[in-house]
Amino acid sequence: MLTVIGEALVDVVQRSSGIDAHVGGSPLNVAVGLARLDHAVQFIGRFGKDAYGDSIAAHLRSSSVMVPLPPDESPTSVATALIDDDGAASYTFDLAWELPGLAARLPFMLQGTSLLHTGSIATMLEPGAADVLAAVEHAHPNATVSFDPNCRPSIIKDREFARAQVERFVALADVVKASDEDLEWLYPGVDVLESARRWLGLGGSGGPPSWWSREARTDPGVSQPRARPRWTPQR
């Protein structure tokens, strides 16, 4: 069983020509992608008993993603982009992120989980971020943990808090995916490779990882693939 824990939301784009709404959320997208690759996946997140929540539930069901938590009484999280006639965008966020009662259900929900993935807003927005960290700590001894910080400075503005949160999850992770932009925002003025080296020293159960960068490097374990930057454990 693969488990993804994180936010589900609806992206609403408003233009003079009309309004478009799409189901989103970085962790939700991971869960759907894994399910479409024929993996058994459960998504632990939240959405409300409203039209947007119904669209999220239908989207997950259509890809055979298991959803162990029912919708709750809070509104479904929404990210709204207002596009003016010149194409400039302004954004507003209405986010509710908490998972009441999750801690007591973790032993049952995570039973049989071989991989747990999390990241993005869910790991940084309280009060739910504490529940996500508890889930990772519970899964860590028996499951592979993957983490994508996917930083959102427009939502989580406290850089020091975000950095501390990211480092807590990195220390528990076996696989970490991060962009140059993530590292540059978390550690301004520090070379991304140096920041990656610092992460490698934080721990994780997977052994020495390797860092991949867009730039050519001569350091051991560093190469220059075409893909986005990432680091993964060497087995």
Protein backbone atom coordinates (compact mmCIF):
# COMPACT_ATOMS: atom_id res chain seq x y z
CA MET A 1 0.00 0.00 0.00
CA LEU A 2 1.21 3.48 -0.91
CA THR A 3 0.00 6.35 1.26
CA VAL A 4 -0.05 10.02 0.33
CA ILE A 5 -0.89 12.58 2.99
CA GLY A 6 -1.45 16.23 2.20
CA GLU A 7 -3.75 18.91 0.91
CA ALA A 8 -6.52 18.70 -1.63
CA LEU A 9 -7.88 21.93 -3.01
CA VAL A 10 -9.63 23.49 -5.96
CA ASP A 11 -7.83 25.96 -8.22
CA VAL A 12 -10.27 28.60 -9.44
CA VAL A 13 -9.20 30.82 -12.35
CA GLN A 14 -11.31 33.91 -12.94
CA ARG A 15 -11.06 35.77 -16.25
CA SER A 16 -13.34 38.26 -17.92
CA SER A 17 -14.35 35.43 -20.23
CA GLY A 18 -15.45 33.17 -17.39
CA ILE A 19 -14.41 30.98 -14.47
CA ASP A 20 -12.59 27.64 -14.60
CA ALA A 21 -12.19 25.33 -11.61
CA HIS A 22 -9.80 22.39 -11.40
CA VAL A 23 -9.04 19.89 -8.66
CA GLY A 24 -5.46 20.23 -7.43
CA GLY A 25 -3.03 20.07 -4.56
CA SER A 26 0.49 18.74 -4.96
CA PRO A 27 0.02 15.63 -2.75
CA LEU A 28 -3.36 14.83 -4.31
CA ASN A 29 -1.76 14.95 -7.76
CA VAL A 30 0.90 12.48 -6.60
CA ALA A 31 -1.76 10.10 -5.29
CA VAL A 32 -3.70 10.25 -8.57
CA GLY A 33 -0.53 9.73 -10.61
CA LEU A 34 0.47 6.67 -8.60
CA ALA A 35 -3.00 5.18 -8.89
CA ARG A 36 -2.98 5.68 -12.65
CA LEU A 37 0.24 3.65 -12.69
CA ASP A 38 -1.78 0.79 -11.15
CA HIS A 39 -0.50 1.15 -7.60
CA ALA A 40 -2.81 0.68 -4.62
CA VAL A 41 -2.92 4.17 -3.10
CA GLN A 42 -4.74 5.83 -0.26
CA PHE A 43 -4.97 9.61 0.10
CA ILE A 44 -5.15 11.05 3.60
CA GLY A 45 -6.34 14.62 3.35
CA ARG A 46 -9.41 16.74 3.88
CA PHE A 47 -12.18 18.43 1.93
CA GLY A 48 -15.58 19.75 2.84
CA LYS A 49 -19.20 18.75 2.34
CA ASP A 50 -19.68 21.18 -0.53
CA ALA A 51 -19.64 21.24 -4.31
CA TYR A 52 -15.86 21.64 -4.47
CA GLY A 53 -15.44 18.77 -2.01
CA ASP A 54 -17.71 16.62 -4.18
CA SER A 55 -15.51 17.35 -7.20
CA ILE A 56 -12.39 16.32 -5.27
CA ALA A 57 -14.01 13.09 -4.11
CA ALA A 58 -15.15 12.29 -7.65
CA HIS A 59 -11.69 13.01 -9.05
CA LEU A 60 -10.07 10.64 -6.56
CA ARG A 61 -12.69 7.93 -7.15
CA SER A 62 -12.24 8.16 -10.92
CA SER A 63 -8.60 7.14 -10.48
CA SER A 64 -9.36 4.43 -7.86
CA VAL A 65 -7.62 6.31 -5.05
CA MET A 66 -8.81 5.12 -1.64
CA VAL A 67 -9.97 7.89 0.72
CA PRO A 68 -10.16 6.74 4.36
CA LEU A 69 -11.26 10.11 5.79
CA PRO A 70 -14.79 11.38 5.11
CA PRO A 71 -15.50 15.01 4.20
CA ASP A 72 -15.70 17.34 7.19
CA GLU A 73 -17.67 20.43 8.16
CA SER A 74 -15.09 23.03 7.08
CA PRO A 75 -15.18 24.51 3.58
CA THR A 76 -13.00 22.90 0.92
CA SER A 77 -9.72 24.75 0.43
CA VAL A 78 -9.65 27.05 -2.60
CA ALA A 79 -6.86 28.88 -4.41
CA THR A 80 -8.22 31.66 -6.61
CA ALA A 81 -6.33 33.37 -9.45
CA LEU A 82 -7.84 36.57 -10.84
CA ILE A 83 -6.51 37.24 -14.35
CA ASP A 84 -7.04 40.76 -15.67
CA ASP A 85 -7.37 41.72 -19.33
CA ASP A 86 -3.61 42.32 -19.58
CA GLY A 87 -2.88 38.80 -18.33
CA ALA A 88 -1.60 39.89 -14.90
CA ALA A 89 -2.66 37.59 -12.06
CA SER A 90 -3.47 38.18 -8.42
CA TYR A 91 -4.01 35.34 -6.00
CA THR A 92 -6.08 34.68 -2.90
CA PHE A 93 -6.11 31.56 -0.75
CA ASP A 94 -8.83 30.19 1.50
CA LEU A 95 -7.16 27.19 3.12
CA ALA A 96 -8.31 24.96 5.96
CA TRP A 97 -5.75 22.38 6.99
CA GLU A 98 -6.34 20.23 10.04
CA LEU A 99 -6.89 16.52 10.55
CA PRO A 100 -8.64 16.14 13.90
CA GLY A 101 -8.51 12.66 15.37
CA LEU A 102 -5.90 11.44 12.91
CA ALA A 103 -3.29 10.58 15.54
CA ALA A 104 -5.51 7.96 17.16
CA ARG A 105 -6.20 6.30 13.80
CA LEU A 106 -2.63 6.25 12.49
CA PRO A 107 -1.78 2.67 13.55
CA PHE A 108 -4.77 1.37 11.58
CA MET A 109 -4.49 3.73 8.60
CA LEU A 110 -0.79 3.16 8.06
CA GLN A 111 -0.85 -0.58 8.61
CA GLY A 112 0.73 -2.18 5.57
CA THR A 113 2.05 1.10 4.14
CA SER A 114 5.30 0.45 2.30
CA LEU A 115 5.77 4.04 1.08
CA LEU A 116 4.49 7.33 2.47
CA HIS A 117 4.72 10.55 0.47
CA THR A 118 4.01 14.05 1.73
CA GLY A 119 5.02 17.65 1.16
CA SER A 120 3.95 21.14 0.18
CA ILE A 121 1.44 23.20 2.18
CA ALA A 122 0.43 20.21 4.31
CA THR A 123 3.82 20.05 5.99
CA MET A 124 4.00 23.76 6.81
CA LEU A 125 0.48 25.03 7.54
CA GLU A 126 -0.66 24.52 11.12
CA PRO A 127 -2.49 22.95 12.81
CA GLY A 128 -2.46 20.11 10.31
CA ALA A 129 1.30 20.13 9.77
CA ALA A 130 1.81 18.65 13.24
CA ASP A 131 -0.48 15.74 12.33
CA VAL A 132 1.46 15.14 9.11
CA LEU A 133 4.76 15.08 11.00
CA ALA A 134 3.29 12.58 13.47
CA ALA A 135 2.21 10.37 10.55
CA VAL A 136 5.69 10.45 9.04
CA GLU A 137 7.27 9.65 12.40
CA HIS A 138 4.89 6.70 12.77
CA ALA A 139 5.60 5.35 9.28
CA HIS A 140 9.34 6.04 9.26
CA PRO A 141 10.59 2.80 10.90
CA ASN A 142 8.78 0.51 8.44
CA ALA A 143 8.13 2.47 5.25
CA THR A 144 10.05 4.41 2.65
CA VAL A 145 9.32 8.12 3.16
CA SER A 146 9.41 10.61 0.30
CA PHE A 147 9.12 14.38 0.72
CA ASP A 148 8.68 17.32 -1.63
CA PRO A 149 8.85 20.71 0.14
CA ASN A 150 7.27 22.49 -2.85
CA CYS A 151 7.58 25.78 -0.97
CA ARG A 152 4.81 28.36 -1.29
CA PRO A 153 6.18 31.69 0.03
CA SER A 154 2.93 33.46 -0.81
CA ILE A 155 1.16 31.20 1.71
CA ILE A 156 3.86 30.33 4.24
CA LYS A 157 5.65 33.65 4.60
CA ASP A 158 7.75 32.86 7.69
CA ARG A 159 10.98 31.60 6.11
CA GLU A 160 12.57 30.52 9.41
CA PHE A 161 9.51 28.46 10.34
CA ALA A 162 9.36 26.92 6.87
CA ARG A 163 13.07 26.06 7.00
CA ALA A 164 12.68 24.36 10.39
CA GLN A 165 9.69 22.38 9.16
CA VAL A 166 11.45 21.27 5.99
CA GLU A 167 14.48 20.11 7.94
CA ARG A 168 12.29 18.03 10.28
CA PHE A 169 10.84 16.18 7.31
CA VAL A 170 14.16 15.87 5.46
CA ALA A 171 15.65 14.19 8.54
CA LEU A 172 12.96 11.49 8.34
CA ALA A 173 12.91 11.07 4.56
CA ASP A 174 14.50 8.44 2.36
CA VAL A 175 13.77 10.36 -0.84
CA VAL A 176 13.62 14.14 -1.17
CA LYS A 177 12.65 16.08 -4.29
CA ALA A 178 13.43 19.80 -4.31
CA SER A 179 13.74 22.52 -6.92
CA ASP A 180 16.42 25.18 -7.12
CA GLU A 181 13.68 27.66 -6.22
CA ASP A 182 12.86 25.77 -3.02
CA LEU A 183 16.48 25.79 -1.87
CA GLU A 184 17.11 29.38 -2.87
CA TRP A 185 14.09 30.60 -0.91
CA LEU A 186 14.85 28.49 2.15
CA TYR A 187 18.56 29.42 2.19
CA PRO A 188 18.96 32.80 0.47
CA GLY A 189 22.47 33.55 -0.71
CA VAL A 190 23.62 29.94 -0.27
CA ASP A 191 24.61 27.79 -3.24
CA VAL A 192 21.98 25.10 -3.81
CA LEU A 193 24.61 22.36 -3.74
CA GLU A 194 25.82 23.53 -0.34
CA SER A 195 22.24 23.51 0.93
CA ALA A 196 21.81 19.99 -0.42
CA ARG A 197 24.96 18.85 1.36
CA ARG A 198 23.52 20.20 4.59
CA TRP A 199 20.36 18.21 4.02
CA LEU A 200 22.39 15.07 3.43
CA GLY A 201 23.82 15.48 6.91
CA LEU A 202 20.42 15.62 8.57
CA GLY A 203 19.87 11.87 8.45
CA GLY A 204 17.28 9.63 6.85
CA SER A 205 17.17 5.87 6.78
CA GLY A 206 18.21 5.34 3.19
CA GLY A 207 21.96 5.75 3.47
CA PRO A 208 24.10 8.24 1.56
CA PRO A 209 22.01 9.97 -1.12
CA SER A 210 23.17 11.56 -4.34
CA TRP A 211 22.38 15.12 -5.40
CA TRP A 212 21.38 15.92 -8.95
CA SER A 213 21.75 19.43 -10.29
CA ARG A 214 21.05 21.30 -13.52
CA GLU A 215 24.57 22.68 -13.39
CA ALA A 216 27.70 20.71 -14.25
CA ARG A 217 29.57 19.79 -11.06
CA THR A 218 32.75 17.91 -10.31
CA ASP A 219 31.69 16.78 -6.82
CA PRO A 220 31.37 13.04 -6.18
CA GLY A 221 27.81 11.82 -6.59
CA VAL A 222 26.74 14.87 -8.60
CA SER A 223 25.83 14.72 -12.27
CA GLN A 224 23.84 16.71 -14.79
CA PRO A 225 20.62 14.99 -15.89
CA ARG A 226 17.91 16.57 -17.99
CA ALA A 227 15.32 16.11 -15.26
CA ARG A 228 14.48 18.52 -12.46
CA PRO A 229 16.87 18.54 -9.48
CA ARG A 230 16.31 15.74 -6.99
CA TRP A 231 18.20 13.55 -4.57
CA THR A 232 17.60 9.90 -3.94
CA PRO A 233 19.12 7.24 -1.70
CA GLN A 234 21.82 4.96 -3.00
CA ARG A 235 21.01 1.35 -2.16
